[in-house]
C-alpha atoms as a PDB file:
ATOM      1  CA  MET A   1     173.072 153.778  -1.049  1.00  0.00           C
ATOM      2  CA  LYS A   2     170.229 156.335   0.943  1.00  0.00           C
ATOM      3  CA  LYS A   3     173.962 157.684   2.135  1.00  0.00           C
ATOM      4  CA  LEU A   4     175.086 158.376  -1.266  1.00  0.00           C
ATOM      5  CA  ILE A   5     171.775 159.664  -2.422  1.00  0.00           C
ATOM      6  CA  SER A   6     171.621 162.405   0.705  1.00  0.00           C
ATOM      7  CA  ILE A   7     175.550 163.717   0.241  1.00  0.00           C
ATOM      8  CA  PHE A   8     174.063 164.679  -4.094  1.00  0.00           C
ATOM      9  CA  LEU A   9     171.155 166.956  -2.577  1.00  0.00           C
ATOM     10  CA  THR A  10     173.572 168.604   0.303  1.00  0.00           C
ATOM     11  CA  VAL A  11     177.228 169.261  -1.235  1.00  0.00           C
ATOM     12  CA  SER A  12     178.221 172.081  -3.507  1.00  0.00           C
ATOM     13  CA  VAL A  13     181.504 171.840  -4.475  1.00  0.00           C
ATOM     14  CA  LEU A  14     184.543 173.573  -6.870  1.00  0.00           C
ATOM     15  CA  PHE A  15     186.575 171.417  -8.957  1.00  0.00           C
ATOM     16  CA  LEU A  16     190.752 171.335  -8.074  1.00  0.00           C
ATOM     17  CA  PHE A  17     190.945 172.330 -11.743  1.00  0.00           C
ATOM     18  CA  SER A  18     192.006 175.498 -13.337  1.00  0.00           C
ATOM     19  CA  SER A  19     191.408 175.521 -16.531  1.00  0.00           C
ATOM     20  CA  CYS A  20     194.558 175.740 -18.842  1.00  0.00           C
ATOM     21  CA  GLY A  21     193.118 175.841 -22.214  1.00  0.00           C
ATOM     22  CA  GLN A  22     193.311 173.120 -24.889  1.00  0.00           C
ATOM     23  CA  ALA A  23     196.431 171.190 -24.992  1.00  0.00           C
ATOM     24  CA  GLU A  24     198.465 171.024 -27.911  1.00  0.00           C
ATOM     25  CA  ASN A  25     198.055 168.910 -30.858  1.00  0.00           C
ATOM     26  CA  SER A  26     200.098 165.370 -30.568  1.00  0.00           C
ATOM     27  CA  GLY A  27     200.875 162.586 -32.875  1.00  0.00           C
ATOM     28  CA  ASN A  28     197.317 160.449 -32.519  1.00  0.00           C
ATOM     29  CA  SER A  29     194.675 161.426 -34.808  1.00  0.00           C
ATOM     30  CA  LYS A  30     192.456 159.577 -32.628  1.00  0.00           C
ATOM     31  CA  SER A  31     193.133 161.310 -29.606  1.00  0.00           C
ATOM     32  CA  GLU A  32     193.067 164.900 -30.945  1.00  0.00           C
ATOM     33  CA  LYS A  33     189.316 164.392 -32.276  1.00  0.00           C
ATOM     34  CA  LYS A  34     188.158 163.394 -29.209  1.00  0.00           C
ATOM     35  CA  ILE A  35     188.982 166.527 -27.635  1.00  0.00           C
ATOM     36  CA  TYR A  36     187.928 168.805 -29.991  1.00  0.00           C
ATOM     37  CA  THR A  37     185.477 168.194 -32.868  1.00  0.00           C
ATOM     38  CA  ALA A  38     181.951 168.539 -30.820  1.00  0.00           C
ATOM     39  CA  SER A  39     178.977 166.715 -32.274  1.00  0.00           C
ATOM     40  CA  ALA A  40     175.263 166.216 -31.206  1.00  0.00           C
ATOM     41  CA  ASP A  41     171.980 164.997 -32.906  1.00  0.00           C
ATOM     42  CA  GLU A  42     169.162 167.321 -33.594  1.00  0.00           C
ATOM     43  CA  ALA A  43     167.611 166.705 -29.724  1.00  0.00           C
ATOM     44  CA  GLY A  44     170.548 167.721 -28.700  1.00  0.00           C
ATOM     45  CA  TYR A  45     172.090 164.467 -27.277  1.00  0.00           C
ATOM     46  CA  PRO A  46     175.923 163.805 -27.716  1.00  0.00           C
ATOM     47  CA  ASN A  47     176.656 162.028 -30.817  1.00  0.00           C
ATOM     48  CA  PRO A  48     180.145 160.027 -30.434  1.00  0.00           C
ATOM     49  CA  ILE A  49     182.718 161.497 -33.073  1.00  0.00           C
ATOM     50  CA  ALA A  50     182.948 158.120 -34.535  1.00  0.00           C
ATOM     51  CA  GLN A  51     182.071 154.319 -33.430  1.00  0.00           C
ATOM     52  CA  ASN A  52     184.562 153.596 -30.699  1.00  0.00           C
ATOM     53  CA  TRP A  53     182.842 149.728 -30.391  1.00  0.00           C
ATOM     54  CA  GLU A  54     183.359 147.156 -32.462  1.00  0.00           C
ATOM     55  CA  GLU A  55     181.303 143.297 -31.967  1.00  0.00           C
ATOM     56  CA  SER A  56     182.609 141.020 -29.907  1.00  0.00           C
ATOM     57  CA  ASN A  57     181.913 136.816 -28.831  1.00  0.00           C
ATOM     58  CA  ASN A  58     181.465 138.178 -25.304  1.00  0.00           C
ATOM     59  CA  ALA A  59     178.367 138.418 -23.430  1.00  0.00           C
ATOM     60  CA  THR A  60     177.786 141.828 -24.297  1.00  0.00           C
ATOM     61  CA  GLY A  61     178.262 141.526 -27.914  1.00  0.00           C
ATOM     62  CA  ALA A  62     180.994 143.835 -28.104  1.00  0.00           C
ATOM     63  CA  ARG A  63     183.958 145.739 -27.142  1.00  0.00           C
ATOM     64  CA  PHE A  64     185.308 149.225 -27.186  1.00  0.00           C
ATOM     65  CA  ASP A  65     188.870 149.687 -30.137  1.00  0.00           C
ATOM     66  CA  MET A  66     191.082 150.520 -27.921  1.00  0.00           C
ATOM     67  CA  THR A  67     193.672 148.566 -25.697  1.00  0.00           C
ATOM     68  CA  LEU A  68     194.678 150.179 -22.232  1.00  0.00           C
ATOM     69  CA  LYS A  69     197.366 152.017 -22.875  1.00  0.00           C
ATOM     70  CA  GLU A  70     195.395 154.163 -25.816  1.00  0.00           C
ATOM     71  CA  TYR A  71     192.620 154.279 -23.628  1.00  0.00           C
ATOM     72  CA  THR A  72     195.562 155.769 -20.604  1.00  0.00           C
ATOM     73  CA  GLU A  73     197.006 158.147 -22.967  1.00  0.00           C
ATOM     74  CA  ASP A  74     194.095 159.491 -24.004  1.00  0.00           C
ATOM     75  CA  PHE A  75     192.031 160.125 -20.459  1.00  0.00           C
ATOM     76  CA  ASN A  76     195.386 162.084 -19.555  1.00  0.00           C
ATOM     77  CA  LYS A  77     195.297 164.173 -22.792  1.00  0.00           C
ATOM     78  CA  MET A  78     191.885 165.132 -21.622  1.00  0.00           C
ATOM     79  CA  TYR A  79     191.850 165.172 -18.682  1.00  0.00           C
ATOM     80  CA  ASN A  80     195.379 167.487 -19.140  1.00  0.00           C
ATOM     81  CA  SER A  81     192.810 169.672 -21.627  1.00  0.00           C
ATOM     82  CA  LEU A  82     190.458 170.475 -18.199  1.00  0.00           C
ATOM     83  CA  GLY A  83     193.583 171.577 -16.450  1.00  0.00           C
ATOM     84  CA  GLY A  84     193.715 168.163 -14.890  1.00  0.00           C
ATOM     85  CA  GLY A  85     197.550 168.602 -13.816  1.00  0.00           C
ATOM     86  CA  ASN A  86     199.353 165.783 -11.547  1.00  0.00           C
ATOM     87  CA  GLN A  87     195.728 163.672 -11.074  1.00  0.00           C
ATOM     88  CA  GLN A  88     196.337 161.398 -14.435  1.00  0.00           C
ATOM     89  CA  ILE A  89     197.323 157.735 -14.705  1.00  0.00           C
ATOM     90  CA  ASP A  90     200.279 156.416 -15.043  1.00  0.00           C
ATOM     91  CA  PHE A  91     200.109 153.481 -16.912  1.00  0.00           C
ATOM     92  CA  SER A  92     202.837 151.455 -15.001  1.00  0.00           C
ATOM     93  CA  LYS A  93     200.474 152.018 -11.456  1.00  0.00           C
ATOM     94  CA  TRP A  94     198.072 149.441 -13.327  1.00  0.00           C
ATOM     95  CA  GLN A  95     198.019 146.051 -11.284  1.00  0.00           C
ATOM     96  CA  LEU A  96     196.753 142.972 -13.341  1.00  0.00           C
ATOM     97  CA  GLN A  97     194.631 141.612 -10.412  1.00  0.00           C
ATOM     98  CA  SER A  98     192.821 138.366 -12.086  1.00  0.00           C
ATOM     99  CA  LYS A  99     194.099 136.892 -15.318  1.00  0.00           C
ATOM    100  CA  GLY A 100     192.334 133.964 -17.277  1.00  0.00           C
ATOM    101  CA  GLN A 101     189.480 134.854 -16.531  1.00  0.00           C
ATOM    102  CA  ARG A 102     186.110 133.495 -18.852  1.00  0.00           C
ATOM    103  CA  ASP A 103     182.565 135.152 -19.104  1.00  0.00           C
ATOM    104  CA  GLU A 104     179.362 133.890 -19.574  1.00  0.00           C
ATOM    105  CA  ASN A 105     180.027 133.602 -23.432  1.00  0.00           C
ATOM    106  CA  GLY A 106     183.456 132.297 -22.399  1.00  0.00           C
ATOM    107  CA  ILE A 107     185.705 134.756 -23.641  1.00  0.00           C
ATOM    108  CA  VAL A 108     188.574 134.921 -21.541  1.00  0.00           C
ATOM    109  CA  TYR A 109     189.540 138.479 -20.116  1.00  0.00           C
ATOM    110  CA  ASP A 110     191.896 139.689 -17.547  1.00  0.00           C
ATOM    111  CA  TYR A 111     190.813 141.986 -15.231  1.00  0.00           C
ATOM    112  CA  TYR A 112     193.048 145.296 -13.936  1.00  0.00           C
ATOM    113  CA  TYR A 113     192.611 147.398 -11.251  1.00  0.00           C
ATOM    114  CA  TYR A 114     194.438 150.956 -10.019  1.00  0.00           C
ATOM    115  CA  ALA A 115     194.145 153.003  -7.199  1.00  0.00           C
ATOM    116  CA  ASP A 116     196.059 156.092  -5.271  1.00  0.00           C
ATOM    117  CA  ASP A 117     194.911 158.077  -2.301  1.00  0.00           C
ATOM    118  CA  MET A 118     191.782 159.328  -4.080  1.00  0.00           C
ATOM    119  CA  VAL A 119     190.769 157.126  -6.455  1.00  0.00           C
ATOM    120  CA  VAL A 120     190.095 153.274  -8.026  1.00  0.00           C
ATOM    121  CA  LEU A 121     189.888 152.541 -11.579  1.00  0.00           C
ATOM    122  CA  THR A 122     189.025 149.443 -13.225  1.00  0.00           C
ATOM    123  CA  ALA A 123     189.404 147.932 -16.542  1.00  0.00           C
ATOM    124  CA  THR A 124     188.521 144.222 -17.684  1.00  0.00           C
ATOM    125  CA  VAL A 125     190.407 143.613 -21.168  1.00  0.00           C
ATOM    126  CA  GLU A 126     190.119 141.041 -23.592  1.00  0.00           C
ATOM    127  CA  GLN A 127     192.918 138.102 -23.498  1.00  0.00           C
ATOM    128  CA  GLU A 128     192.805 137.949 -27.462  1.00  0.00           C
ATOM    129  CA  SER A 129     191.928 141.130 -29.002  1.00  0.00           C
ATOM    130  CA  GLU A 130     193.255 143.332 -25.693  1.00  0.00           C
ATOM    131  CA  LYS A 131     190.525 145.276 -26.318  1.00  0.00           C
ATOM    132  CA  ILE A 132     188.684 147.034 -23.100  1.00  0.00           C
ATOM    133  CA  MET A 133     184.880 145.205 -22.513  1.00  0.00           C
ATOM    134  CA  ASN A 134     184.460 147.514 -19.477  1.00  0.00           C
ATOM    135  CA  LEU A 135     185.540 150.116 -17.103  1.00  0.00           C
ATOM    136  CA  GLY A 136     185.025 151.355 -13.717  1.00  0.00           C
ATOM    137  CA  CYS A 137     185.558 154.672 -11.826  1.00  0.00           C
ATOM    138  CA  GLY A 138     185.244 155.458  -7.994  1.00  0.00           C
ATOM    139  CA  THR A 139     186.886 155.234  -4.604  1.00  0.00           C
ATOM    140  CA  THR A 140     185.913 153.794  -0.879  1.00  0.00           C
ATOM    141  CA  VAL A 141     182.339 154.012   0.155  1.00  0.00           C
ATOM    142  CA  SER A 142     184.060 156.064   2.932  1.00  0.00           C
ATOM    143  CA  VAL A 143     185.890 158.474   1.143  1.00  0.00           C
ATOM    144  CA  PHE A 144     182.572 159.491  -0.983  1.00  0.00           C
ATOM    145  CA  ILE A 145     180.112 159.763   1.749  1.00  0.00           C
ATOM    146  CA  ASN A 146     182.587 161.616   4.338  1.00  0.00           C
ATOM    147  CA  GLU A 147     180.949 165.281   3.408  1.00  0.00           C
ATOM    148  CA  GLU A 148     184.351 166.819   4.061  1.00  0.00           C
ATOM    149  CA  ASN A 149     185.438 165.367   0.896  1.00  0.00           C
ATOM    150  CA  SER A 150     184.100 167.559  -1.149  1.00  0.00           C
ATOM    151  CA  GLN A 151     186.830 168.323  -3.655  1.00  0.00           C
ATOM    152  CA  TYR A 152     187.416 164.452  -3.900  1.00  0.00           C
ATOM    153  CA  GLN A 153     183.249 163.692  -5.063  1.00  0.00           C
ATOM    154  CA  SER A 154     183.810 166.277  -7.608  1.00  0.00           C
ATOM    155  CA  VAL A 155     187.023 165.286  -8.558  1.00  0.00           C
ATOM    156  CA  ILE A 156     185.644 161.317  -9.343  1.00  0.00           C
ATOM    157  CA  LEU A 157     182.539 162.103 -10.414  1.00  0.00           C
ATOM    158  CA  ALA A 158     184.366 164.456 -13.179  1.00  0.00           C
ATOM    159  CA  MET A 159     186.877 161.700 -13.741  1.00  0.00           C
ATOM    160  CA  THR A 160     184.384 159.821 -14.937  1.00  0.00           C
ATOM    161  CA  GLY A 161     182.335 161.354 -17.215  1.00  0.00           C
ATOM    162  CA  ILE A 162     185.811 161.677 -18.312  1.00  0.00           C
ATOM    163  CA  MET A 163     185.911 158.362 -18.631  1.00  0.00           C
ATOM    164  CA  ALA A 164     182.153 158.271 -20.543  1.00  0.00           C
ATOM    165  CA  CYS A 165     183.837 159.887 -23.017  1.00  0.00           C
ATOM    166  CA  VAL A 166     187.135 159.076 -23.671  1.00  0.00           C
ATOM    167  CA  ALA A 167     185.839 155.355 -24.204  1.00  0.00           C
ATOM    168  CA  GLY A 168     182.698 156.640 -26.281  1.00  0.00           C
ATOM    169  CA  ASN A 169     184.814 158.634 -28.495  1.00  0.00           C
ATOM    170  CA  TYR A 170     182.979 162.039 -27.693  1.00  0.00           C
ATOM    171  CA  PRO A 171     184.177 165.188 -26.976  1.00  0.00           C
ATOM    172  CA  VAL A 172     185.340 167.359 -24.004  1.00  0.00           C
ATOM    173  CA  ASP A 173     182.455 169.222 -24.379  1.00  0.00           C
ATOM    174  CA  ASN A 174     179.736 166.292 -23.151  1.00  0.00           C
ATOM    175  CA  VAL A 175     182.410 165.774 -19.592  1.00  0.00           C
ATOM    176  CA  THR A 176     179.025 167.060 -17.731  1.00  0.00           C
ATOM    177  CA  PHE A 177     176.516 165.543 -19.354  1.00  0.00           C
ATOM    178  CA  PHE A 178     178.127 162.414 -18.424  1.00  0.00           C
ATOM    179  CA  SER A 179     178.969 163.274 -15.163  1.00  0.00           C
ATOM    180  CA  ASN A 180     175.687 163.614 -14.770  1.00  0.00           C
ATOM    181  CA  LEU A 181     174.324 160.769 -15.898  1.00  0.00           C
ATOM    182  CA  TYR A 182     176.521 158.665 -13.938  1.00  0.00           C
ATOM    183  CA  VAL A 183     174.628 160.936 -10.929  1.00  0.00           C
ATOM    184  CA  ASN A 184     171.829 159.573 -11.993  1.00  0.00           C
ATOM    185  CA  THR A 185     172.496 156.214 -11.149  1.00  0.00           C
ATOM    186  CA  ILE A 186     172.437 156.929  -7.763  1.00  0.00           C
ATOM    187  CA  SER A 187     169.384 156.197  -7.146  1.00  0.00           C
ATOM    188  CA  ASP A 188     166.977 153.275  -5.060  1.00  0.00           C
ATOM    189  CA  ASN A 189     165.002 152.905  -7.915  1.00  0.00           C
ATOM    190  CA  ASN A 190     167.783 152.611 -10.645  1.00  0.00           C
ATOM    191  CA  ASN A 191     171.586 151.586 -10.929  1.00  0.00           C
ATOM    192  CA  SER A 192     172.012 151.783 -14.917  1.00  0.00           C
ATOM    193  CA  PHE A 193     171.217 153.137 -17.946  1.00  0.00           C
ATOM    194  CA  TRP A 194     171.537 152.393 -21.820  1.00  0.00           C
ATOM    195  CA  TYR A 195     173.263 155.156 -24.153  1.00  0.00           C
ATOM    196  CA  ASN A 196     174.824 154.716 -27.647  1.00  0.00           C
ATOM    197  CA  ASN A 197     175.831 150.942 -27.596  1.00  0.00           C
ATOM    198  CA  CYS A 198     177.409 151.363 -23.875  1.00  0.00           C
ATOM    199  CA  ILE A 199     175.843 150.220 -20.390  1.00  0.00           C
ATOM    200  CA  TYR A 200     176.211 153.104 -17.462  1.00  0.00           C
ATOM    201  CA  LEU A 201     176.038 151.902 -14.270  1.00  0.00           C
ATOM    202  CA  LEU A 202     177.018 152.168 -10.136  1.00  0.00           C
ATOM    203  CA  SER A 203     178.329 149.198  -8.769  1.00  0.00           C
ATOM    204  CA  VAL A 204     179.183 148.669  -5.082  1.00  0.00           C
ATOM    205  CA  GLU A 205     180.932 145.806  -3.713  1.00  0.00           C
ATOM    206  CA  GLU A 206     180.290 145.505   0.023  1.00  0.00           C
ATOM    207  CA  GLY A 207     183.150 145.107   2.245  1.00  0.00           C
ATOM    208  CA  LYS A 208     183.033 144.520   6.255  1.00  0.00           C
ATOM    209  CA  THR A 209     182.729 148.735   6.540  1.00  0.00           C
ATOM    210  CA  ASP A 210     182.650 151.597   4.139  1.00  0.00           C
ATOM    211  CA  ASP A 211     186.482 151.547   4.139  1.00  0.00           C
ATOM    212  CA  GLU A 212     186.273 147.862   2.636  1.00  0.00           C
ATOM    213  CA  SER A 213     183.798 149.107   0.718  1.00  0.00           C
ATOM    214  CA  THR A 214     184.183 150.148  -2.504  1.00  0.00           C
ATOM    215  CA  MET A 215     181.981 152.009  -5.387  1.00  0.00           C
ATOM    216  CA  LEU A 216     182.352 151.907  -8.882  1.00  0.00           C
ATOM    217  CA  PHE A 217     180.373 153.851 -11.426  1.00  0.00           C
ATOM    218  CA  ARG A 218     181.055 151.489 -15.016  1.00  0.00           C
ATOM    219  CA  ILE A 219     180.545 151.885 -18.685  1.00  0.00           C
ATOM    220  CA  VAL A 220     180.374 148.223 -20.784  1.00  0.00           C
ATOM    221  CA  ALA A 221     180.384 148.424 -24.301  1.00  0.00           C
ATOM    222  CA  ALA A 222     177.113 146.804 -25.005  1.00  0.00           C
ATOM    223  CA  THR A 223     175.163 145.704 -28.761  1.00  0.00           C
ATOM    224  CA  ASP A 224     172.006 147.257 -29.098  1.00  0.00           C
ATOM    225  CA  ASP A 225     169.491 144.040 -28.168  1.00  0.00           C
ATOM    226  CA  ILE A 226     171.176 144.086 -25.202  1.00  0.00           C
ATOM    227  CA  GLU A 227     169.117 147.287 -24.302  1.00  0.00           C
ATOM    228  CA  ASP A 228     165.453 145.283 -24.868  1.00  0.00           C
ATOM    229  CA  GLU A 229     166.940 141.637 -23.568  1.00  0.00           C
ATOM    230  CA  TRP A 230     168.425 143.377 -19.956  1.00  0.00           C
ATOM    231  CA  HIS A 231     165.058 145.915 -19.951  1.00  0.00           C
ATOM    232  CA  LEU A 232     167.789 148.889 -19.395  1.00  0.00           C
ATOM    233  CA  ILE A 233     166.382 151.846 -19.461  1.00  0.00           C
ATOM    234  CA  ASN A 234     167.235 154.429 -22.409  1.00  0.00           C
ATOM    235  CA  TYR A 235     168.926 157.889 -20.782  1.00  0.00           C
ATOM    236  CA  LYS A 236     167.243 159.772 -23.365  1.00  0.00           C
ATOM    237  CA  THR A 237     163.971 158.334 -22.618  1.00  0.00           C
ATOM    238  CA  TYR A 238     164.522 158.779 -18.648  1.00  0.00           C
ATOM    239  CA  LEU A 239     165.271 162.620 -19.266  1.00  0.00           C
ATOM    240  CA  GLU A 240     162.717 163.658 -21.412  1.00  0.00           C
ATOM    241  CA  GLU A 241     160.122 161.495 -19.068  1.00  0.00           C
ATOM    242  CA  ASP A 242     161.269 163.516 -16.056  1.00  0.00           C
ATOM    243  CA  THR A 243     160.745 166.602 -17.417  1.00  0.00           C
ATOM    244  CA  THR A 244     157.156 165.834 -18.132  1.00  0.00           C
ATOM    245  CA  PRO A 245     155.364 167.466 -15.790  1.00  0.00           C
ATOM    246  CA  ASP A 246     153.295 164.392 -14.074  1.00  0.00           C
ATOM    247  CA  THR A 247     151.129 165.269 -11.006  1.00  0.00           C
ATOM    248  CA  SER A 248     150.749 161.957 -10.009  1.00  0.00           C
ATOM    249  CA  GLN A 249     153.522 161.061  -8.948  1.00  0.00           C
ATOM    250  CA  GLU A 250     155.803 162.353  -5.996  1.00  0.00           C
ATOM    251  CA  GLU A 251     158.220 165.908  -6.694  1.00  0.00           C
ATOM    252  CA  THR A 252     161.544 165.189  -6.228  1.00  0.00           C
ATOM    253  CA  THR A 253     165.272 166.756  -6.377  1.00  0.00           C
ATOM    254  CA  THR A 254     167.557 165.732  -8.673  1.00  0.00           C
ATOM    255  CA  PRO A 255     171.098 166.629  -8.588  1.00  0.00           C
ATOM    256  CA  VAL A 256     172.523 168.087 -11.287  1.00  0.00           C
ATOM    257  CA  LEU A 257     176.223 168.589 -12.372  1.00  0.00           C
ATOM    258  CA  GLU A 258     177.186 171.610 -13.339  1.00  0.00           C
ATOM    259  CA  ILE A 259     180.813 171.640 -15.492  1.00  0.00           C
ATOM    260  CA  GLN A 260     181.301 175.756 -16.203  1.00  0.00           C
ATOM    261  CA  GLN A 261     184.378 178.408 -17.209  1.00  0.00           C
ATOM    262  CA  GLU A 262     184.621 180.841 -14.682  1.00  0.00           C
ATOM    263  CA  SER A 263     185.930 184.322 -15.190  1.00  0.00           C
ATOM    264  CA  ASP A 264     190.065 184.960 -15.066  1.00  0.00           C
ATOM    265  CA  THR A 265     191.599 184.730 -11.500  1.00  0.00           C
ATOM    266  CA  ASP A 266     194.031 187.017 -10.278  1.00  0.00           C
ATOM    267  CA  SER A 267     197.285 185.383 -12.471  1.00  0.00           C
ATOM    268  CA  GLY A 268     195.290 185.342 -15.130  1.00  0.00           C
ATOM    269  CA  GLU A 269     193.624 181.951 -15.775  1.00  0.00           C
ATOM    270  CA  LYS A 270     190.829 180.469 -16.641  1.00  0.00           C
ATOM    271  CA  GLU A 271     188.806 177.946 -13.815  1.00  0.00           C
ATOM    272  CA  LEU A 272     185.813 175.325 -14.407  1.00  0.00           C
ATOM    273  CA  LYS A 273     183.079 175.201 -11.404  1.00  0.00           C
ATOM    274  CA  SER A 274     181.417 171.617 -10.856  1.00  0.00           C
ATOM    275  CA  GLU A 275     178.682 172.747  -8.611  1.00  0.00           C
ATOM    276  CA  ILE A 276     176.428 170.088  -7.365  1.00  0.00           C
ATOM    277  CA  THR A 277     172.776 171.712  -6.964  1.00  0.00           C
ATOM    278  CA  THR A 278     169.591 170.617  -7.004  1.00  0.00           C
ATOM    279  CA  THR A 279     166.489 170.420  -9.254  1.00  0.00           C
ATOM    280  CA  SER A 280     162.915 169.900  -8.737  1.00  0.00           C
ATOM    281  CA  GLN A 281     161.957 166.555 -11.022  1.00  0.00           C
ATOM    282  CA  THR A 282     159.534 163.942 -11.273  1.00  0.00           C
ATOM    283  CA  ASN A 283     160.907 161.168 -11.033  1.00  0.00           C
ATOM    284  CA  THR A 284     159.248 157.233 -11.614  1.00  0.00           C
ATOM    285  CA  THR A 285     159.004 154.824  -9.218  1.00  0.00           C
ATOM    286  CA  ASN A 286     158.311 152.216 -11.218  1.00  0.00           C
ATOM    287  CA  SER A 287     159.431 148.650 -11.903  1.00  0.00           C
ATOM    288  CA  GLU A 288     160.468 149.735 -15.353  1.00  0.00           C
ATOM    289  CA  LYS A 289     162.788 151.646 -13.619  1.00  0.00           C
ATOM    290  CA  THR A 290     165.467 148.617 -12.427  1.00  0.00           C
ATOM    291  CA  THR A 291     167.619 147.129 -12.899  1.00  0.00           C
ATOM    292  CA  ALA A 292     168.294 143.855 -14.494  1.00  0.00           C
ATOM    293  CA  SER A 293     170.007 141.416 -12.241  1.00  0.00           C
ATOM    294  CA  LYS A 294     171.925 139.906 -15.714  1.00  0.00           C
ATOM    295  CA  THR A 295     173.464 143.708 -15.788  1.00  0.00           C
ATOM    296  CA  GLU A 296     174.874 143.821 -12.276  1.00  0.00           C
ATOM    297  CA  LYS A 297     176.262 140.174 -12.651  1.00  0.00           C
ATOM    298  CA  THR A 298     177.726 140.664 -15.680  1.00  0.00           C
ATOM    299  CA  SER A 299     179.497 143.947 -14.680  1.00  0.00           C
ATOM    300  CA  ASN A 300     180.785 142.379 -11.181  1.00  0.00           C
ATOM    301  CA  SER A 301     181.988 139.048 -12.897  1.00  0.00           C
ATOM    302  CA  ASN A 302     183.799 141.386 -15.478  1.00  0.00           C
END
């Protein structure tokens, strides 16, 4: 894990995306709203356009109100709106890795896996409702910690932000916010956060070597009571605490992913720049910023 932290403290990269402007409207009004409507609360934190989760009898009490096919279509639309090009998800390449598993509450689910040369995606789907319980986006540890793969790292982080926006029903404007949220899960002291009825976490499935180990940034739908029951850290509180000076705590550098639109290129197209920089912030190291074991257990089993 320390290797992962050091990567974020040193790497500065460019997106592979070049801005293609906003995609044309399609017949899917749900997807259109996801991409084009901005929303924030009074403090400036992103709000979902509309609630995109519903109650369930599964272990976290909730699921996303979308099927795997709907998620794939909406992901590609948002990805392409950023100029993602041919790196979009091919729905036919989702593989059913395990079928008919049961969570702690006895809900039957299927586990889907998607992989290409760069990215690993996962989806846990309830069998009866066909709705998504949780999603994952990542790669092998060896790819992510290799400084020569900085372009891959930036695109994977962007994809995690898109994953969160699509699953949670946020507009494309909030991709940077959620990419940075996932950057903050790379910590020896905390690897998960609670934000607006979702658990955001990093899990690493250890293999014999880094080539065989997979790191996944995950998003899990959950009801309000899970935040307290599992002792999860509210991401708003985390940000507010970390921006408040406290001389009693050690000052450290915190990685920040910045996504911004650059000036016109020679070809007349816009470019999106993604840069991971470091800022000096105060980070707590107390036991309150640890992940409840039940969170990890549920996310891994799902």
